[in-house]
Amino acid sequence: MITVINSILTILGIYFGIGLLFGIYFFLAGARKIDPIINDSKWTVRLLLVPGAVATWPFLISKLFKTEKQ
């Protein structure tokens, strides 16, 4: 049972670790690529988006790739 819990915690740690790296990228440049209107907002607005970007990074990465192709 402890092995299962350790495995789940490791997977969650990796998920949120990747999410944190993506959140930093999203704060610096990614948000502008998805929504050009964010250029007019202050940096604090983009900072508020970081926790959501950390949690939903797979969805946002796919959205970034779709906007780059168009």
PDB file of N, CA and C in Angstrom:
ATOM      1  N   MET A   1       0.821  -1.198   0.000  1.00  0.00           N
ATOM      2  CA  MET A   1       0.000   0.000   0.000  1.00  0.00           C
ATOM      3  C   MET A   1       0.863   1.259   0.000  1.00  0.00           C
ATOM      4  N   ILE A   2       1.951   1.242   0.760  1.00  0.00           N
ATOM      5  CA  ILE A   2       2.832   2.406   0.810  1.00  0.00           C
ATOM      6  C   ILE A   2       3.509   2.615  -0.540  1.00  0.00           C
ATOM      7  N   THR A   3       3.802   1.538  -1.243  1.00  0.00           N
ATOM      8  CA  THR A   3       4.396   1.656  -2.564  1.00  0.00           C
ATOM      9  C   THR A   3       3.452   2.362  -3.525  1.00  0.00           C
ATOM     10  N   VAL A   4       2.182   2.044  -3.453  1.00  0.00           N
ATOM     11  CA  VAL A   4       1.185   2.690  -4.309  1.00  0.00           C
ATOM     12  C   VAL A   4       1.097   4.181  -3.988  1.00  0.00           C
ATOM     13  N   ILE A   5       1.073   4.504  -2.707  1.00  0.00           N
ATOM     14  CA  ILE A   5       0.995   5.911  -2.301  1.00  0.00           C
ATOM     15  C   ILE A   5       2.247   6.662  -2.744  1.00  0.00           C
ATOM     16  N   ASN A   6       3.417   6.046  -2.577  1.00  0.00           N
ATOM     17  CA  ASN A   6       4.662   6.673  -3.030  1.00  0.00           C
ATOM     18  C   ASN A   6       4.662   6.882  -4.535  1.00  0.00           C
ATOM     19  N   SER A   7       4.148   5.916  -5.274  1.00  0.00           N
ATOM     20  CA  SER A   7       4.084   6.044  -6.730  1.00  0.00           C
ATOM     21  C   SER A   7       3.164   7.185  -7.143  1.00  0.00           C
ATOM     22  N   ILE A   8       2.012   7.273  -6.500  1.00  0.00           N
ATOM     23  CA  ILE A   8       1.066   8.345  -6.818  1.00  0.00           C
ATOM     24  C   ILE A   8       1.669   9.705  -6.492  1.00  0.00           C
ATOM     25  N   LEU A   9       2.318   9.819  -5.341  1.00  0.00           N
ATOM     26  CA  LEU A   9       2.939  11.087  -4.964  1.00  0.00           C
ATOM     27  C   LEU A   9       4.088  11.459  -5.894  1.00  0.00           C
ATOM     28  N   THR A  10       4.837  10.463  -6.353  1.00  0.00           N
ATOM     29  CA  THR A  10       5.916  10.723  -7.304  1.00  0.00           C
ATOM     30  C   THR A  10       5.361  11.222  -8.627  1.00  0.00           C
ATOM     31  N   ILE A  11       4.315  10.579  -9.116  1.00  0.00           N
ATOM     32  CA  ILE A  11       3.690  11.002 -10.371  1.00  0.00           C
ATOM     33  C   ILE A  11       3.126  12.411 -10.244  1.00  0.00           C
ATOM     34  N   LEU A  12       2.468  12.697  -9.126  1.00  0.00           N
ATOM     35  CA  LEU A  12       1.940  14.051  -8.909  1.00  0.00           C
ATOM     36  C   LEU A  12       3.061  15.079  -8.807  1.00  0.00           C
ATOM     37  N   GLY A  13       4.161  14.710  -8.170  1.00  0.00           N
ATOM     38  CA  GLY A  13       5.309  15.613  -8.077  1.00  0.00           C
ATOM     39  C   GLY A  13       5.903  15.924  -9.432  1.00  0.00           C
ATOM     40  N   ILE A  14       6.022  14.902 -10.274  1.00  0.00           N
ATOM     41  CA  ILE A  14       6.531  15.113 -11.631  1.00  0.00           C
ATOM     42  C   ILE A  14       5.571  15.981 -12.430  1.00  0.00           C
ATOM     43  N   TYR A  15       4.278  15.696 -12.313  1.00  0.00           N
ATOM     44  CA  TYR A  15       3.255  16.468 -13.031  1.00  0.00           C
ATOM     45  C   TYR A  15       3.328  17.945 -12.657  1.00  0.00           C
ATOM     46  N   PHE A  16       3.368  18.229 -11.363  1.00  0.00           N
ATOM     47  CA  PHE A  16       3.395  19.621 -10.932  1.00  0.00           C
ATOM     48  C   PHE A  16       4.770  20.258 -11.124  1.00  0.00           C
ATOM     49  N   GLY A  17       5.828  19.468 -11.146  1.00  0.00           N
ATOM     50  CA  GLY A  17       7.153  20.005 -11.472  1.00  0.00           C
ATOM     51  C   GLY A  17       7.209  20.491 -12.908  1.00  0.00           C
ATOM     52  N   ILE A  18       6.713  19.659 -13.819  1.00  0.00           N
ATOM     53  CA  ILE A  18       6.628  20.074 -15.219  1.00  0.00           C
ATOM     54  C   ILE A  18       5.686  21.261 -15.343  1.00  0.00           C
ATOM     55  N   GLY A  19       4.595  21.221 -14.602  1.00  0.00           N
ATOM     56  CA  GLY A  19       3.644  22.326 -14.623  1.00  0.00           C
ATOM     57  C   GLY A  19       4.254  23.627 -14.141  1.00  0.00           C
ATOM     58  N   LEU A  20       5.118  23.567 -13.138  1.00  0.00           N
ATOM     59  CA  LEU A  20       5.770  24.775 -12.642  1.00  0.00           C
ATOM     60  C   LEU A  20       6.708  25.361 -13.687  1.00  0.00           C
ATOM     61  N   LEU A  21       7.463  24.500 -14.357  1.00  0.00           N
ATOM     62  CA  LEU A  21       8.325  24.983 -15.438  1.00  0.00           C
ATOM     63  C   LEU A  21       7.500  25.607 -16.557  1.00  0.00           C
ATOM     64  N   PHE A  22       6.404  24.949 -16.912  1.00  0.00           N
ATOM     65  CA  PHE A  22       5.535  25.505 -17.939  1.00  0.00           C
ATOM     66  C   PHE A  22       4.883  26.798 -17.461  1.00  0.00           C
ATOM     67  N   GLY A  23       4.519  26.875 -16.184  1.00  0.00           N
ATOM     68  CA  GLY A  23       3.907  28.083 -15.641  1.00  0.00           C
ATOM     69  C   GLY A  23       4.825  29.285 -15.752  1.00  0.00           C
ATOM     70  N   ILE A  24       6.119  29.075 -15.525  1.00  0.00           N
ATOM     71  CA  ILE A  24       7.087  30.164 -15.681  1.00  0.00           C
ATOM     72  C   ILE A  24       7.155  30.602 -17.136  1.00  0.00           C
ATOM     73  N   TYR A  25       7.220  29.632 -18.055  1.00  0.00           N
ATOM     74  CA  TYR A  25       7.218  29.975 -19.480  1.00  0.00           C
ATOM     75  C   TYR A  25       5.925  30.682 -19.865  1.00  0.00           C
ATOM     76  N   PHE A  26       4.816  30.205 -19.354  1.00  0.00           N
ATOM     77  CA  PHE A  26       3.519  30.793 -19.675  1.00  0.00           C
ATOM     78  C   PHE A  26       3.453  32.230 -19.176  1.00  0.00           C
ATOM     79  N   PHE A  27       4.005  32.491 -18.007  1.00  0.00           N
ATOM     80  CA  PHE A  27       4.034  33.845 -17.456  1.00  0.00           C
ATOM     81  C   PHE A  27       4.870  34.766 -18.334  1.00  0.00           C
ATOM     82  N   LEU A  28       6.007  34.274 -18.817  1.00  0.00           N
ATOM     83  CA  LEU A  28       6.918  35.127 -19.573  1.00  0.00           C
ATOM     84  C   LEU A  28       6.502  35.314 -21.028  1.00  0.00           C
ATOM     85  N   ALA A  29       6.026  34.269 -21.696  1.00  0.00           N
ATOM     86  CA  ALA A  29       5.758  34.394 -23.129  1.00  0.00           C
ATOM     87  C   ALA A  29       4.519  33.664 -23.616  1.00  0.00           C
ATOM     88  N   GLY A  30       4.157  32.564 -22.999  1.00  0.00           N
ATOM     89  CA  GLY A  30       3.089  31.716 -23.527  1.00  0.00           C
ATOM     90  C   GLY A  30       1.721  32.353 -23.539  1.00  0.00           C
ATOM     91  N   ALA A  31       1.407  33.132 -22.529  1.00  0.00           N
ATOM     92  CA  ALA A  31       0.076  33.749 -22.458  1.00  0.00           C
ATOM     93  C   ALA A  31      -0.146  34.696 -23.628  1.00  0.00           C
ATOM     94  N   ARG A  32       0.905  35.366 -24.052  1.00  0.00           N
ATOM     95  CA  ARG A  32       0.794  36.293 -25.190  1.00  0.00           C
ATOM     96  C   ARG A  32       0.515  35.560 -26.494  1.00  0.00           C
ATOM     97  N   LYS A  33       1.039  34.348 -26.615  1.00  0.00           N
ATOM     98  CA  LYS A  33       0.820  33.589 -27.844  1.00  0.00           C
ATOM     99  C   LYS A  33      -0.609  33.071 -27.938  1.00  0.00           C
ATOM    100  N   ILE A  34      -1.196  32.700 -26.804  1.00  0.00           N
ATOM    101  CA  ILE A  34      -2.563  32.189 -26.808  1.00  0.00           C
ATOM    102  C   ILE A  34      -3.567  33.324 -26.940  1.00  0.00           C
ATOM    103  N   ASP A  35      -3.338  34.409 -26.210  1.00  0.00           N
ATOM    104  CA  ASP A  35      -4.285  35.528 -26.192  1.00  0.00           C
ATOM    105  C   ASP A  35      -3.524  36.837 -26.369  1.00  0.00           C
ATOM    106  N   PRO A  36      -3.520  37.409 -27.577  1.00  0.00           N
ATOM    107  CA  PRO A  36      -2.773  38.648 -27.815  1.00  0.00           C
ATOM    108  C   PRO A  36      -3.272  39.833 -26.988  1.00  0.00           C
ATOM    109  N   ILE A  37      -4.495  39.790 -26.512  1.00  0.00           N
ATOM    110  CA  ILE A  37      -5.040  40.894 -25.720  1.00  0.00           C
ATOM    111  C   ILE A  37      -4.306  41.009 -24.381  1.00  0.00           C
ATOM    112  N   ILE A  38      -3.678  39.946 -23.935  1.00  0.00           N
ATOM    113  CA  ILE A  38      -2.966  39.963 -22.656  1.00  0.00           C
ATOM    114  C   ILE A  38      -1.773  40.917 -22.697  1.00  0.00           C
ATOM    115  N   ASN A  39      -1.323  41.314 -23.893  1.00  0.00           N
ATOM    116  CA  ASN A  39      -0.228  42.280 -24.000  1.00  0.00           C
ATOM    117  C   ASN A  39      -0.588  43.606 -23.350  1.00  0.00           C
ATOM    118  N   ASP A  40      -1.857  43.977 -23.379  1.00  0.00           N
ATOM    119  CA  ASP A  40      -2.296  45.248 -22.814  1.00  0.00           C
ATOM    120  C   ASP A  40      -2.451  45.203 -21.300  1.00  0.00           C
ATOM    121  N   SER A  41      -2.382  44.037 -20.708  1.00  0.00           N
ATOM    122  CA  SER A  41      -2.598  43.917 -19.266  1.00  0.00           C
ATOM    123  C   SER A  41      -1.274  44.031 -18.509  1.00  0.00           C
ATOM    124  N   LYS A  42      -1.383  44.231 -17.220  1.00  0.00           N
ATOM    125  CA  LYS A  42      -0.194  44.327 -16.374  1.00  0.00           C
ATOM    126  C   LYS A  42       0.378  42.933 -16.111  1.00  0.00           C
ATOM    127  N   TRP A  43       1.616  42.911 -15.647  1.00  0.00           N
ATOM    128  CA  TRP A  43       2.272  41.633 -15.367  1.00  0.00           C
ATOM    129  C   TRP A  43       1.581  40.895 -14.225  1.00  0.00           C
ATOM    130  N   THR A  44       0.894  41.632 -13.362  1.00  0.00           N
ATOM    131  CA  THR A  44       0.216  40.982 -12.238  1.00  0.00           C
ATOM    132  C   THR A  44      -0.947  40.113 -12.702  1.00  0.00           C
ATOM    133  N   VAL A  45      -1.561  40.497 -13.810  1.00  0.00           N
ATOM    134  CA  VAL A  45      -2.650  39.679 -14.354  1.00  0.00           C
ATOM    135  C   VAL A  45      -2.093  38.352 -14.846  1.00  0.00           C
ATOM    136  N   ARG A  46      -0.964  38.397 -15.546  1.00  0.00           N
ATOM    137  CA  ARG A  46      -0.337  37.155 -16.006  1.00  0.00           C
ATOM    138  C   ARG A  46       0.114  36.305 -14.824  1.00  0.00           C
ATOM    139  N   LEU A  47       0.556  36.958 -13.743  1.00  0.00           N
ATOM    140  CA  LEU A  47       0.969  36.224 -12.554  1.00  0.00           C
ATOM    141  C   LEU A  47      -0.206  35.477 -11.929  1.00  0.00           C
ATOM    142  N   LEU A  48      -1.389  36.050 -12.004  1.00  0.00           N
ATOM    143  CA  LEU A  48      -2.579  35.374 -11.485  1.00  0.00           C
ATOM    144  C   LEU A  48      -2.939  34.132 -12.299  1.00  0.00           C
ATOM    145  N   LEU A  49      -2.503  34.070 -13.545  1.00  0.00           N
ATOM    146  CA  LEU A  49      -2.794  32.921 -14.402  1.00  0.00           C
ATOM    147  C   LEU A  49      -1.869  31.731 -14.142  1.00  0.00           C
ATOM    148  N   VAL A  50      -0.757  31.959 -13.467  1.00  0.00           N
ATOM    149  CA  VAL A  50       0.251  30.906 -13.281  1.00  0.00           C
ATOM    150  C   VAL A  50      -0.285  29.679 -12.537  1.00  0.00           C
ATOM    151  N   PRO A  51      -1.001  29.808 -11.414  1.00  0.00           N
ATOM    152  CA  PRO A  51      -1.486  28.580 -10.754  1.00  0.00           C
ATOM    153  C   PRO A  51      -2.391  27.733 -11.648  1.00  0.00           C
ATOM    154  N   GLY A  52      -3.219  28.373 -12.432  1.00  0.00           N
ATOM    155  CA  GLY A  52      -4.061  27.625 -13.362  1.00  0.00           C
ATOM    156  C   GLY A  52      -3.245  26.974 -14.456  1.00  0.00           C
ATOM    157  N   ALA A  53      -2.191  27.658 -14.904  1.00  0.00           N
ATOM    158  CA  ALA A  53      -1.318  27.096 -15.934  1.00  0.00           C
ATOM    159  C   ALA A  53      -0.552  25.891 -15.397  1.00  0.00           C
ATOM    160  N   VAL A  54      -0.161  25.941 -14.136  1.00  0.00           N
ATOM    161  CA  VAL A  54       0.541  24.812 -13.520  1.00  0.00           C
ATOM    162  C   VAL A  54      -0.370  23.587 -13.477  1.00  0.00           C
ATOM    163  N   ALA A  55      -1.624  23.790 -13.163  1.00  0.00           N
ATOM    164  CA  ALA A  55      -2.554  22.668 -13.029  1.00  0.00           C
ATOM    165  C   ALA A  55      -3.031  22.130 -14.373  1.00  0.00           C
ATOM    166  N   THR A  56      -3.134  22.985 -15.381  1.00  0.00           N
ATOM    167  CA  THR A  56      -3.706  22.567 -16.671  1.00  0.00           C
ATOM    168  C   THR A  56      -2.689  22.638 -17.804  1.00  0.00           C
ATOM    169  N   TRP A  57      -1.426  22.403 -17.515  1.00  0.00           N
ATOM    170  CA  TRP A  57      -0.401  22.563 -18.530  1.00  0.00           C
ATOM    171  C   TRP A  57      -0.558  21.661 -19.752  1.00  0.00           C
ATOM    172  N   PRO A  58      -1.049  20.419 -19.665  1.00  0.00           N
ATOM    173  CA  PRO A  58      -1.191  19.638 -20.900  1.00  0.00           C
ATOM    174  C   PRO A  58      -2.172  20.278 -21.889  1.00  0.00           C
ATOM    175  N   PHE A  59      -3.275  20.805 -21.376  1.00  0.00           N
ATOM    176  CA  PHE A  59      -4.256  21.475 -22.231  1.00  0.00           C
ATOM    177  C   PHE A  59      -3.657  22.731 -22.862  1.00  0.00           C
ATOM    178  N   LEU A  60      -2.935  23.506 -22.077  1.00  0.00           N
ATOM    179  CA  LEU A  60      -2.371  24.757 -22.586  1.00  0.00           C
ATOM    180  C   LEU A  60      -1.244  24.515 -23.587  1.00  0.00           C
ATOM    181  N   ILE A  61      -0.464  23.457 -23.395  1.00  0.00           N
ATOM    182  CA  ILE A  61       0.584  23.135 -24.373  1.00  0.00           C
ATOM    183  C   ILE A  61      -0.043  22.781 -25.711  1.00  0.00           C
ATOM    184  N   SER A  62      -1.104  21.982 -25.688  1.00  0.00           N
ATOM    185  CA  SER A  62      -1.756  21.636 -26.956  1.00  0.00           C
ATOM    186  C   SER A  62      -2.350  22.880 -27.604  1.00  0.00           C
ATOM    187  N   LYS A  63      -2.862  23.798 -26.806  1.00  0.00           N
ATOM    188  CA  LYS A  63      -3.408  25.037 -27.346  1.00  0.00           C
ATOM    189  C   LYS A  63      -2.292  25.905 -27.937  1.00  0.00           C
ATOM    190  N   LEU A  64      -1.129  25.925 -27.314  1.00  0.00           N
ATOM    191  CA  LEU A  64       0.003  26.674 -27.855  1.00  0.00           C
ATOM    192  C   LEU A  64       0.439  26.116 -29.203  1.00  0.00           C
ATOM    193  N   PHE A  65       0.505  24.783 -29.319  1.00  0.00           N
ATOM    194  CA  PHE A  65       0.912  24.184 -30.582  1.00  0.00           C
ATOM    195  C   PHE A  65      -0.105  24.452 -31.680  1.00  0.00           C
ATOM    196  N   LYS A  66      -1.380  24.468 -31.338  1.00  0.00           N
ATOM    197  CA  LYS A  66      -2.409  24.754 -32.332  1.00  0.00           C
ATOM    198  C   LYS A  66      -2.317  26.190 -32.824  1.00  0.00           C
ATOM    199  N   THR A  67      -2.030  27.144 -31.936  1.00  0.00           N
ATOM    200  CA  THR A  67      -1.933  28.542 -32.357  1.00  0.00           C
ATOM    201  C   THR A  67      -0.666  28.794 -33.153  1.00  0.00           C
ATOM    202  N   GLU A  68       0.414  28.048 -32.899  1.00  0.00           N
ATOM    203  CA  GLU A  68       1.640  28.224 -33.667  1.00  0.00           C
ATOM    204  C   GLU A  68       1.488  27.695 -35.086  1.00  0.00           C
ATOM    205  N   LYS A  69       0.678  26.662 -35.284  1.00  0.00           N
ATOM    206  CA  LYS A  69       0.483  26.104 -36.618  1.00  0.00           C
ATOM    207  C   LYS A  69      -0.352  27.012 -37.506  1.00  0.00           C
ATOM    208  N   GLN A  70      -1.230  27.796 -36.905  1.00  0.00           N
ATOM    209  CA  GLN A  70      -2.132  28.628 -37.707  1.00  0.00           C
ATOM    210  C   GLN A  70      -1.465  29.855 -38.188  1.00  0.00           C
TER     211      GLN A  70
END
